[in-house]
């Protein structure tokens, strides 16, 4: 249990350090982009490190047939998490562009609210498809 708390606090600290540095100095868009890039690189670097650490620990324990079977089951969870995560990221990108266009269109003509709502709803469907794929990976 203490290892989980230590890893979680480390991830939070690594993710927050660039923003703390950003808010201490002059707030410009160039500095914000650099801070965001550093934060993304450190976050994904730590995630890759943890994934490699977890997989190597699993590889050490894979000597018995029971552990080998549970490692294959663990890869199902990784695949499900990736499908949900990428589906949600795609949904966020799609909703951001379609919702901003919908708001602009509604400001010009209020009668097209229902049509724009359909397009935003279709963009949100991407996340649902990611969830369905994850459920199919886990239970089929």
C-alpha atoms as a PDB file:
ATOM      1  CA  UNK A   1       0.000   0.000   0.000  1.00  0.00           C
ATOM      2  CA  UNK A   2       2.746   2.557   0.763  1.00  0.00           C
ATOM      3  CA  UNK A   3       4.273   1.903  -2.688  1.00  0.00           C
ATOM      4  CA  UNK A   4       1.013   2.881  -4.372  1.00  0.00           C
ATOM      5  CA  UNK A   5       0.825   6.103  -2.354  1.00  0.00           C
ATOM      6  CA  UNK A   6       4.452   6.884  -3.192  1.00  0.00           C
ATOM      7  CA  UNK A   7       3.946   6.266  -6.919  1.00  0.00           C
ATOM      8  CA  UNK A   8       0.723   8.305  -6.991  1.00  0.00           C
ATOM      9  CA  UNK A   9       2.271  11.250  -5.171  1.00  0.00           C
ATOM     10  CA  UNK A  10       5.278  11.091  -7.495  1.00  0.00           C
ATOM     11  CA  UNK A  11       3.035  11.209 -10.569  1.00  0.00           C
ATOM     12  CA  UNK A  12       1.115  14.166  -9.206  1.00  0.00           C
ATOM     13  CA  UNK A  13       4.321  15.997  -8.359  1.00  0.00           C
ATOM     14  CA  UNK A  14       5.882  15.337 -11.767  1.00  0.00           C
ATOM     15  CA  UNK A  15       2.706  16.566 -13.470  1.00  0.00           C
ATOM     16  CA  UNK A  16       2.431  19.730 -11.374  1.00  0.00           C
ATOM     17  CA  UNK A  17       6.040  20.968 -11.326  1.00  0.00           C
ATOM     18  CA  UNK A  18       5.939  22.573 -14.808  1.00  0.00           C
ATOM     19  CA  UNK A  19       2.750  24.467 -13.985  1.00  0.00           C
ATOM     20  CA  UNK A  20       4.144  25.699 -10.681  1.00  0.00           C
ATOM     21  CA  UNK A  21       7.160  27.029 -12.549  1.00  0.00           C
ATOM     22  CA  UNK A  22       4.883  28.628 -15.152  1.00  0.00           C
ATOM     23  CA  UNK A  23       2.722  30.467 -12.635  1.00  0.00           C
ATOM     24  CA  UNK A  24       5.745  31.873 -10.815  1.00  0.00           C
ATOM     25  CA  UNK A  25       7.032  33.749 -13.871  1.00  0.00           C
ATOM     26  CA  UNK A  26       5.599  35.962 -16.570  1.00  0.00           C
ATOM     27  CA  UNK A  27       2.500  34.412 -18.119  1.00  0.00           C
ATOM     28  CA  UNK A  28       2.873  34.405 -21.883  1.00  0.00           C
ATOM     29  CA  UNK A  29       1.459  32.079 -24.498  1.00  0.00           C
ATOM     30  CA  UNK A  30       4.924  30.912 -25.576  1.00  0.00           C
ATOM     31  CA  UNK A  31       5.803  30.002 -22.017  1.00  0.00           C
ATOM     32  CA  UNK A  32       2.462  28.240 -21.573  1.00  0.00           C
ATOM     33  CA  UNK A  33       3.039  26.101 -24.676  1.00  0.00           C
ATOM     34  CA  UNK A  34       6.523  25.187 -23.491  1.00  0.00           C
ATOM     35  CA  UNK A  35       5.152  24.304 -20.056  1.00  0.00           C
ATOM     36  CA  UNK A  36       2.435  22.166 -21.574  1.00  0.00           C
ATOM     37  CA  UNK A  37       4.956  20.359 -23.766  1.00  0.00           C
ATOM     38  CA  UNK A  38       7.255  19.699 -20.799  1.00  0.00           C
ATOM     39  CA  UNK A  39       4.312  18.457 -18.760  1.00  0.00           C
ATOM     40  CA  UNK A  40       3.169  16.101 -21.513  1.00  0.00           C
ATOM     41  CA  UNK A  41       6.687  14.738 -22.039  1.00  0.00           C
ATOM     42  CA  UNK A  42       7.268  14.148 -18.332  1.00  0.00           C
ATOM     43  CA  UNK A  43       3.833  12.623 -17.792  1.00  0.00           C
ATOM     44  CA  UNK A  44       4.080  10.207 -20.711  1.00  0.00           C
ATOM     45  CA  UNK A  45       7.707   9.479 -19.821  1.00  0.00           C
ATOM     46  CA  UNK A  46       6.674   8.452 -16.336  1.00  0.00           C
ATOM     47  CA  UNK A  47       3.774   6.411 -17.739  1.00  0.00           C
ATOM     48  CA  UNK A  48       6.105   4.563 -20.123  1.00  0.00           C
ATOM     49  CA  UNK A  49       8.557   3.981 -17.269  1.00  0.00           C
ATOM     50  CA  UNK A  50       5.795   2.552 -15.076  1.00  0.00           C
ATOM     51  CA  UNK A  51       4.484   0.379 -17.904  1.00  0.00           C
ATOM     52  CA  UNK A  52       7.951  -1.036 -18.523  1.00  0.00           C
ATOM     53  CA  UNK A  53       8.420  -1.517 -14.781  1.00  0.00           C
ATOM     54  CA  UNK A  54       5.117  -3.350 -14.457  1.00  0.00           C
ATOM     55  CA  UNK A  55       5.757  -5.515 -17.512  1.00  0.00           C
ATOM     56  CA  UNK A  56       9.265  -6.466 -16.359  1.00  0.00           C
ATOM     57  CA  UNK A  57       7.928  -7.354 -12.941  1.00  0.00           C
ATOM     58  CA  UNK A  58       5.324  -9.497 -14.679  1.00  0.00           C
ATOM     59  CA  UNK A  59       8.041 -11.071 -16.841  1.00  0.00           C
ATOM     60  CA  UNK A  60       9.992 -12.086 -13.745  1.00  0.00           C
ATOM     61  CA  UNK A  61       6.909 -13.731 -12.282  1.00  0.00           C
ATOM     62  CA  UNK A  62       5.948 -15.467 -15.537  1.00  0.00           C
ATOM     63  CA  UNK A  63       7.881 -18.649 -14.763  1.00  0.00           C
ATOM     64  CA  UNK A  64       4.805 -20.619 -13.813  1.00  0.00           C
ATOM     65  CA  UNK A  65       1.914 -21.376 -16.148  1.00  0.00           C
ATOM     66  CA  UNK A  66      -0.588 -19.690 -13.831  1.00  0.00           C
ATOM     67  CA  UNK A  67       1.300 -16.403 -13.889  1.00  0.00           C
ATOM     68  CA  UNK A  68       1.668 -16.604 -17.675  1.00  0.00           C
ATOM     69  CA  UNK A  69      -2.103 -16.922 -18.016  1.00  0.00           C
ATOM     70  CA  UNK A  70      -2.696 -13.942 -15.715  1.00  0.00           C
ATOM     71  CA  UNK A  71      -0.181 -11.849 -17.715  1.00  0.00           C
ATOM     72  CA  UNK A  72      -2.234 -12.461 -20.841  1.00  0.00           C
ATOM     73  CA  UNK A  73      -5.269 -11.305 -18.891  1.00  0.00           C
ATOM     74  CA  UNK A  74      -3.375  -8.215 -17.831  1.00  0.00           C
ATOM     75  CA  UNK A  75      -2.767  -7.288 -21.441  1.00  0.00           C
ATOM     76  CA  UNK A  76      -6.538  -7.301 -21.946  1.00  0.00           C
ATOM     77  CA  UNK A  77      -6.833  -4.571 -19.346  1.00  0.00           C
ATOM     78  CA  UNK A  78      -4.097  -2.538 -21.025  1.00  0.00           C
ATOM     79  CA  UNK A  79      -5.828  -2.899 -24.408  1.00  0.00           C
ATOM     80  CA  UNK A  80      -9.176  -1.902 -22.904  1.00  0.00           C
ATOM     81  CA  UNK A  81      -7.638   1.127 -21.227  1.00  0.00           C
ATOM     82  CA  UNK A  82      -5.978   2.214 -24.463  1.00  0.00           C
ATOM     83  CA  UNK A  83      -9.227   1.897 -26.433  1.00  0.00           C
ATOM     84  CA  UNK A  84     -11.186   3.933 -23.885  1.00  0.00           C
ATOM     85  CA  UNK A  85      -8.424   6.522 -23.527  1.00  0.00           C
ATOM     86  CA  UNK A  86      -7.885   7.084 -27.241  1.00  0.00           C
ATOM     87  CA  UNK A  87     -11.642   7.094 -27.860  1.00  0.00           C
ATOM     88  CA  UNK A  88     -12.081   9.757 -25.194  1.00  0.00           C
ATOM     89  CA  UNK A  89      -9.261  11.878 -26.600  1.00  0.00           C
ATOM     90  CA  UNK A  90     -10.797  11.637 -30.078  1.00  0.00           C
ATOM     91  CA  UNK A  91     -14.191  12.523 -28.637  1.00  0.00           C
ATOM     92  CA  UNK A  92     -12.756  15.576 -26.915  1.00  0.00           C
ATOM     93  CA  UNK A  93     -11.139  16.810 -30.115  1.00  0.00           C
ATOM     94  CA  UNK A  94     -14.317  16.216 -32.141  1.00  0.00           C
ATOM     95  CA  UNK A  95     -16.616  17.854 -29.597  1.00  0.00           C
ATOM     96  CA  UNK A  96     -14.299  20.847 -29.256  1.00  0.00           C
ATOM     97  CA  UNK A  97     -14.423  21.629 -32.968  1.00  0.00           C
ATOM     98  CA  UNK A  98     -18.074  20.749 -33.583  1.00  0.00           C
ATOM     99  CA  UNK A  99     -19.389  22.514 -30.471  1.00  0.00           C
ATOM    100  CA  UNK A 100     -17.522  25.730 -31.225  1.00  0.00           C
ATOM    101  CA  UNK A 101     -18.841  25.669 -34.798  1.00  0.00           C
ATOM    102  CA  UNK A 102     -22.340  24.954 -33.476  1.00  0.00           C
ATOM    103  CA  UNK A 103     -22.211  27.898 -31.099  1.00  0.00           C
ATOM    104  CA  UNK A 104     -21.126  30.160 -33.952  1.00  0.00           C
ATOM    105  CA  UNK A 105     -23.939  28.881 -36.167  1.00  0.00           C
ATOM    106  CA  UNK A 106     -26.537  29.269 -33.417  1.00  0.00           C
ATOM    107  CA  UNK A 107     -25.446  32.854 -32.820  1.00  0.00           C
ATOM    108  CA  UNK A 108     -26.295  33.630 -36.455  1.00  0.00           C
ATOM    109  CA  UNK A 109     -29.525  31.597 -36.696  1.00  0.00           C
ATOM    110  CA  UNK A 110     -31.308  30.356 -33.584  1.00  0.00           C
ATOM    111  CA  UNK A 111     -33.569  27.999 -35.549  1.00  0.00           C
ATOM    112  CA  UNK A 112     -30.789  25.461 -36.215  1.00  0.00           C
ATOM    113  CA  UNK A 113     -30.206  24.529 -32.575  1.00  0.00           C
ATOM    114  CA  UNK A 114     -31.601  20.997 -33.020  1.00  0.00           C
ATOM    115  CA  UNK A 115     -29.443  20.274 -36.064  1.00  0.00           C
ATOM    116  CA  UNK A 116     -26.261  21.409 -34.354  1.00  0.00           C
ATOM    117  CA  UNK A 117     -27.114  19.358 -31.281  1.00  0.00           C
ATOM    118  CA  UNK A 118     -27.210  16.232 -33.449  1.00  0.00           C
ATOM    119  CA  UNK A 119     -23.702  16.896 -34.780  1.00  0.00           C
ATOM    120  CA  UNK A 120     -22.283  17.396 -31.306  1.00  0.00           C
ATOM    121  CA  UNK A 121     -24.020  14.205 -30.160  1.00  0.00           C
ATOM    122  CA  UNK A 122     -22.506  12.273 -33.070  1.00  0.00           C
ATOM    123  CA  UNK A 123     -19.062  13.469 -32.037  1.00  0.00           C
ATOM    124  CA  UNK A 124     -19.672  12.208 -28.499  1.00  0.00           C
ATOM    125  CA  UNK A 125     -20.459   8.777 -29.906  1.00  0.00           C
ATOM    126  CA  UNK A 126     -16.748   8.179 -30.494  1.00  0.00           C
ATOM    127  CA  UNK A 127     -16.199   7.759 -26.749  1.00  0.00           C
ATOM    128  CA  UNK A 128     -19.090   5.306 -26.550  1.00  0.00           C
ATOM    129  CA  UNK A 129     -17.551   3.235 -29.358  1.00  0.00           C
ATOM    130  CA  UNK A 130     -14.259   3.144 -27.446  1.00  0.00           C
ATOM    131  CA  UNK A 131     -16.112   1.932 -24.368  1.00  0.00           C
ATOM    132  CA  UNK A 132     -17.916  -0.756 -26.383  1.00  0.00           C
ATOM    133  CA  UNK A 133     -14.619  -1.984 -27.829  1.00  0.00           C
ATOM    134  CA  UNK A 134     -13.158  -2.135 -24.308  1.00  0.00           C
ATOM    135  CA  UNK A 135     -16.124  -4.152 -23.063  1.00  0.00           C
ATOM    136  CA  UNK A 136     -15.774  -6.534 -26.007  1.00  0.00           C
ATOM    137  CA  UNK A 137     -12.057  -6.957 -25.239  1.00  0.00           C
ATOM    138  CA  UNK A 138     -12.732  -7.699 -21.585  1.00  0.00           C
ATOM    139  CA  UNK A 139     -15.763  -9.963 -21.779  1.00  0.00           C
ATOM    140  CA  UNK A 140     -15.563 -11.781 -25.128  1.00  0.00           C
END
